[in-house]
Amino acid sequence: MSSVFAPSPLLTEPRFAAPDEAYRAIVEAQRGLSEGEAAALNARLVLLLANHIGDIEVLRAALQLANESPKQDSQHLAPPGEAR
């Protein structure tokens, strides 16, 4: 028996109860890595999270949003309470 799922919308509102902790975990994972090693870690992380999402339409929406305004993303992705 196959299930049909309605595509989920891309959720862009903050969802972490402790956003500083989430940001810190990402930064700490990259500490001591070369630029290339950090890029490879980020690529693996993206693939793992994309698989976890498991919805191609959500993935496409996220890719589109990420590509639309890279300069604005750096403002959006600054650690909470820290402006860039």
Protein backbone atom coordinates (compact mmCIF):
# COMPACT_ATOMS: atom_id res chain seq x y z
CA MET A 1 0.00 0.00 0.00
CA SER A 2 1.49 3.34 -0.99
CA SER A 3 0.89 6.60 0.80
CA VAL A 4 0.52 9.94 -0.88
CA PHE A 5 1.76 12.92 1.08
CA ALA A 6 0.86 16.51 0.34
CA PRO A 7 4.02 18.59 -0.04
CA SER A 8 4.95 20.51 3.08
CA PRO A 9 5.66 24.21 2.79
CA LEU A 10 9.17 25.44 3.50
CA LEU A 11 9.19 26.60 7.11
CA THR A 12 11.29 29.75 7.49
CA GLU A 13 10.25 31.04 10.90
CA PRO A 14 12.66 30.28 13.77
CA ARG A 15 12.01 26.80 15.14
CA PHE A 16 14.83 26.19 17.62
CA ALA A 17 13.99 26.62 21.28
CA ALA A 18 17.64 27.59 21.79
CA PRO A 19 18.89 29.15 18.53
CA ASP A 20 22.20 30.24 20.04
CA GLU A 21 22.92 26.64 21.00
CA ALA A 22 22.13 25.42 17.48
CA TYR A 23 24.37 28.07 15.93
CA ARG A 24 27.15 27.27 18.43
CA ALA A 25 26.94 23.54 17.57
CA ILE A 26 27.45 24.31 13.87
CA VAL A 27 30.36 26.65 14.57
CA GLU A 28 31.97 24.18 16.99
CA ALA A 29 31.71 21.36 14.43
CA GLN A 30 33.86 23.46 12.08
CA ARG A 31 36.41 24.59 14.66
CA GLY A 32 39.93 23.57 13.66
CA LEU A 33 38.93 22.52 10.15
CA SER A 34 40.50 23.95 7.03
CA GLU A 35 38.23 25.88 4.66
CA GLY A 36 37.98 22.79 2.44
CA GLU A 37 37.22 20.48 5.35
CA ALA A 38 34.54 22.88 6.61
CA ALA A 39 33.01 23.04 3.11
CA ALA A 40 32.97 19.23 2.95
CA LEU A 41 31.35 19.03 6.40
CA ASN A 42 28.71 21.56 5.29
CA ALA A 43 28.04 19.56 2.12
CA ARG A 44 27.57 16.35 4.12
CA LEU A 45 25.33 18.16 6.58
CA VAL A 46 23.18 19.56 3.75
CA LEU A 47 22.80 16.11 2.21
CA LEU A 48 21.90 14.54 5.56
CA LEU A 49 19.31 17.22 6.31
CA ALA A 50 17.91 17.12 2.75
CA ASN A 51 17.42 13.38 3.16
CA HIS A 52 15.78 13.95 6.53
CA ILE A 53 13.34 16.42 4.94
CA GLY A 54 12.59 13.89 2.22
CA ASP A 55 10.42 16.26 0.20
CA ILE A 56 11.80 17.40 -3.16
CA GLU A 57 9.48 20.42 -3.35
CA VAL A 58 10.62 21.66 0.07
CA LEU A 59 14.22 21.09 -0.98
CA ARG A 60 13.67 23.04 -4.22
CA ALA A 61 12.01 25.90 -2.31
CA ALA A 62 14.95 26.01 0.13
CA LEU A 63 17.48 26.00 -2.72
CA GLN A 64 15.62 28.79 -4.49
CA LEU A 65 15.47 30.90 -1.33
CA ALA A 66 19.14 30.26 -0.60
CA ASN A 67 20.11 31.34 -4.13
CA GLU A 68 17.88 34.43 -4.32
CA SER A 69 19.69 36.67 -1.88
CA PRO A 70 23.05 35.42 -0.64
CA LYS A 71 23.91 38.81 0.91
CA GLN A 72 20.61 38.94 2.76
CA ASP A 73 21.15 35.38 3.97
CA SER A 74 24.32 36.42 5.78
CA GLN A 75 22.24 38.98 7.67
CA HIS A 76 19.51 36.41 8.34
CA LEU A 77 21.96 33.74 9.47
CA ALA A 78 23.89 35.91 11.90
CA PRO A 79 23.86 34.51 15.41
CA PRO A 80 20.86 35.72 17.38
CA GLY A 81 21.58 39.10 18.95
CA GLU A 82 24.51 39.72 16.61
CA ALA A 83 24.17 41.95 13.54
CA ARG A 84 26.54 41.60 10.60
